[in-house]
Amino acid sequence: MEYSFNHIFSLKLSNFFAKIICYTINLRNFGL
């Protein structure tokens, strides 16, 4: 149970960082 919780948490965390990276790339494309 605890392992699955940590696995889901790590997946959400990696997805969160992926969104931040995509957001920063979009800002660079707009020249901000």
PDB file of N, CA and C in Angstrom:
ATOM      1  N   MET A   1       0.843  -1.200   0.000  1.00  0.00           N
ATOM      2  CA  MET A   1       0.000   0.000   0.000  1.00  0.00           C
ATOM      3  C   MET A   1       0.879   1.252   0.000  1.00  0.00           C
ATOM      4  N   GLU A   2       1.878   1.238   0.876  1.00  0.00           N
ATOM      5  CA  GLU A   2       2.746   2.411   0.972  1.00  0.00           C
ATOM      6  C   GLU A   2       3.575   2.574  -0.294  1.00  0.00           C
ATOM      7  N   TYR A   3       3.991   1.440  -0.873  1.00  0.00           N
ATOM      8  CA  TYR A   3       4.788   1.510  -2.101  1.00  0.00           C
ATOM      9  C   TYR A   3       3.961   2.110  -3.230  1.00  0.00           C
ATOM     10  N   SER A   4       2.708   1.682  -3.363  1.00  0.00           N
ATOM     11  CA  SER A   4       1.861   2.205  -4.439  1.00  0.00           C
ATOM     12  C   SER A   4       1.612   3.698  -4.232  1.00  0.00           C
ATOM     13  N   PHE A   5       1.466   4.110  -2.964  1.00  0.00           N
ATOM     14  CA  PHE A   5       1.244   5.532  -2.685  1.00  0.00           C
ATOM     15  C   PHE A   5       2.462   6.343  -3.105  1.00  0.00           C
ATOM     16  N   ASN A   6       3.654   5.858  -2.755  1.00  0.00           N
ATOM     17  CA  ASN A   6       4.874   6.568  -3.142  1.00  0.00           C
ATOM     18  C   ASN A   6       5.036   6.581  -4.655  1.00  0.00           C
ATOM     19  N   HIS A   7       4.619   5.505  -5.297  1.00  0.00           N
ATOM     20  CA  HIS A   7       4.731   5.431  -6.754  1.00  0.00           C
ATOM     21  C   HIS A   7       3.810   6.462  -7.401  1.00  0.00           C
ATOM     22  N   ILE A   8       2.575   6.553  -6.926  1.00  0.00           N
ATOM     23  CA  ILE A   8       1.628   7.535  -7.477  1.00  0.00           C
ATOM     24  C   ILE A   8       2.125   8.949  -7.188  1.00  0.00           C
ATOM     25  N   PHE A   9       2.667   9.159  -5.988  1.00  0.00           N
ATOM     26  CA  PHE A   9       3.160  10.486  -5.622  1.00  0.00           C
ATOM     27  C   PHE A   9       4.312  10.903  -6.523  1.00  0.00           C
ATOM     28  N   SER A  10       5.230   9.964  -6.798  1.00  0.00           N
ATOM     29  CA  SER A  10       6.375  10.279  -7.664  1.00  0.00           C
ATOM     30  C   SER A  10       5.903  10.555  -9.089  1.00  0.00           C
ATOM     31  N   LEU A  11       4.867   9.836  -9.531  1.00  0.00           N
ATOM     32  CA  LEU A  11       4.337  10.081 -10.875  1.00  0.00           C
ATOM     33  C   LEU A  11       3.728  11.472 -10.954  1.00  0.00           C
ATOM     34  N   LYS A  12       2.975  11.856  -9.931  1.00  0.00           N
ATOM     35  CA  LYS A  12       2.370  13.193  -9.931  1.00  0.00           C
ATOM     36  C   LYS A  12       3.448  14.264  -9.870  1.00  0.00           C
ATOM     37  N   LEU A  13       4.509  13.997  -9.103  1.00  0.00           N
ATOM     38  CA  LEU A  13       5.586  14.974  -8.965  1.00  0.00           C
ATOM     39  C   LEU A  13       6.310  15.154 -10.292  1.00  0.00           C
ATOM     40  N   SER A  14       6.591  14.051 -10.983  1.00  0.00           N
ATOM     41  CA  SER A  14       7.275  14.142 -12.280  1.00  0.00           C
ATOM     42  C   SER A  14       6.385  14.831 -13.301  1.00  0.00           C
ATOM     43  N   ASN A  15       5.075  14.577 -13.238  1.00  0.00           N
ATOM     44  CA  ASN A  15       4.138  15.230 -14.148  1.00  0.00           C
ATOM     45  C   ASN A  15       4.106  16.728 -13.869  1.00  0.00           C
ATOM     46  N   PHE A  16       4.193  17.102 -12.577  1.00  0.00           N
ATOM     47  CA  PHE A  16       4.199  18.511 -12.199  1.00  0.00           C
ATOM     48  C   PHE A  16       5.436  19.214 -12.754  1.00  0.00           C
ATOM     49  N   PHE A  17       6.602  18.568 -12.626  1.00  0.00           N
ATOM     50  CA  PHE A  17       7.830  19.167 -13.155  1.00  0.00           C
ATOM     51  C   PHE A  17       7.794  19.237 -14.676  1.00  0.00           C
ATOM     52  N   ALA A  18       7.164  18.253 -15.297  1.00  0.00           N
ATOM     53  CA  ALA A  18       7.052  18.265 -16.757  1.00  0.00           C
ATOM     54  C   ALA A  18       6.228  19.461 -17.208  1.00  0.00           C
ATOM     55  N   LYS A  19       5.166  19.774 -16.457  1.00  0.00           N
ATOM     56  CA  LYS A  19       4.343  20.938 -16.800  1.00  0.00           C
ATOM     57  C   LYS A  19       5.141  22.220 -16.638  1.00  0.00           C
ATOM     58  N   ILE A  20       5.954  22.303 -15.590  1.00  0.00           N
ATOM     59  CA  ILE A  20       6.769  23.505 -15.368  1.00  0.00           C
ATOM     60  C   ILE A  20       7.772  23.673 -16.502  1.00  0.00           C
ATOM     61  N   ILE A  21       8.386  22.571 -16.933  1.00  0.00           N
ATOM     62  CA  ILE A  21       9.368  22.651 -18.021  1.00  0.00           C
ATOM     63  C   ILE A  21       8.691  23.109 -19.309  1.00  0.00           C
ATOM     64  N   CYS A  22       7.528  22.539 -19.605  1.00  0.00           N
ATOM     65  CA  CYS A  22       6.799  22.945 -20.820  1.00  0.00           C
ATOM     66  C   CYS A  22       6.407  24.415 -20.726  1.00  0.00           C
ATOM     67  N   TYR A  23       6.030  24.867 -19.531  1.00  0.00           N
ATOM     68  CA  TYR A  23       5.625  26.259 -19.357  1.00  0.00           C
ATOM     69  C   TYR A  23       6.798  27.197 -19.598  1.00  0.00           C
ATOM     70  N   THR A  24       7.975  26.842 -19.063  1.00  0.00           N
ATOM     71  CA  THR A  24       9.146  27.704 -19.259  1.00  0.00           C
ATOM     72  C   THR A  24       9.567  27.716 -20.722  1.00  0.00           C
ATOM     73  N   ILE A  25       9.442  26.571 -21.404  1.00  0.00           N
ATOM     74  CA  ILE A  25       9.788  26.522 -22.830  1.00  0.00           C
ATOM     75  C   ILE A  25       8.841  27.414 -23.627  1.00  0.00           C
ATOM     76  N   ASN A  26       7.557  27.400 -23.278  1.00  0.00           N
ATOM     77  CA  ASN A  26       6.594  28.250 -23.975  1.00  0.00           C
ATOM     78  C   ASN A  26       6.920  29.723 -23.747  1.00  0.00           C
ATOM     79  N   LEU A  27       7.349  30.077 -22.541  1.00  0.00           N
ATOM     80  CA  LEU A  27       7.710  31.464 -22.262  1.00  0.00           C
ATOM     81  C   LEU A  27       8.909  31.876 -23.108  1.00  0.00           C
ATOM     82  N   ARG A  28       9.879  30.967 -23.261  1.00  0.00           N
ATOM     83  CA  ARG A  28      11.057  31.301 -24.072  1.00  0.00           C
ATOM     84  C   ARG A  28      10.668  31.457 -25.535  1.00  0.00           C
ATOM     85  N   ASN A  29       9.713  30.666 -26.000  1.00  0.00           N
ATOM     86  CA  ASN A  29       9.281  30.769 -27.394  1.00  0.00           C
ATOM     87  C   ASN A  29       8.604  32.111 -27.645  1.00  0.00           C
ATOM     88  N   PHE A  30       7.941  32.653 -26.609  1.00  0.00           N
ATOM     89  CA  PHE A  30       7.289  33.953 -26.767  1.00  0.00           C
ATOM     90  C   PHE A  30       8.262  35.100 -26.517  1.00  0.00           C
ATOM     91  N   GLY A  31       9.499  34.770 -26.125  1.00  0.00           N
ATOM     92  CA  GLY A  31      10.522  35.797 -25.956  1.00  0.00           C
ATOM     93  C   GLY A  31      10.404  36.564 -24.665  1.00  0.00           C
ATOM     94  N   LEU A  32       9.793  35.979 -23.637  1.00  0.00           N
ATOM     95  CA  LEU A  32       9.672  36.676 -22.353  1.00  0.00           C
ATOM     96  C   LEU A  32      10.866  36.335 -21.469  1.00  0.00           C
TER      97      LEU A  32
END
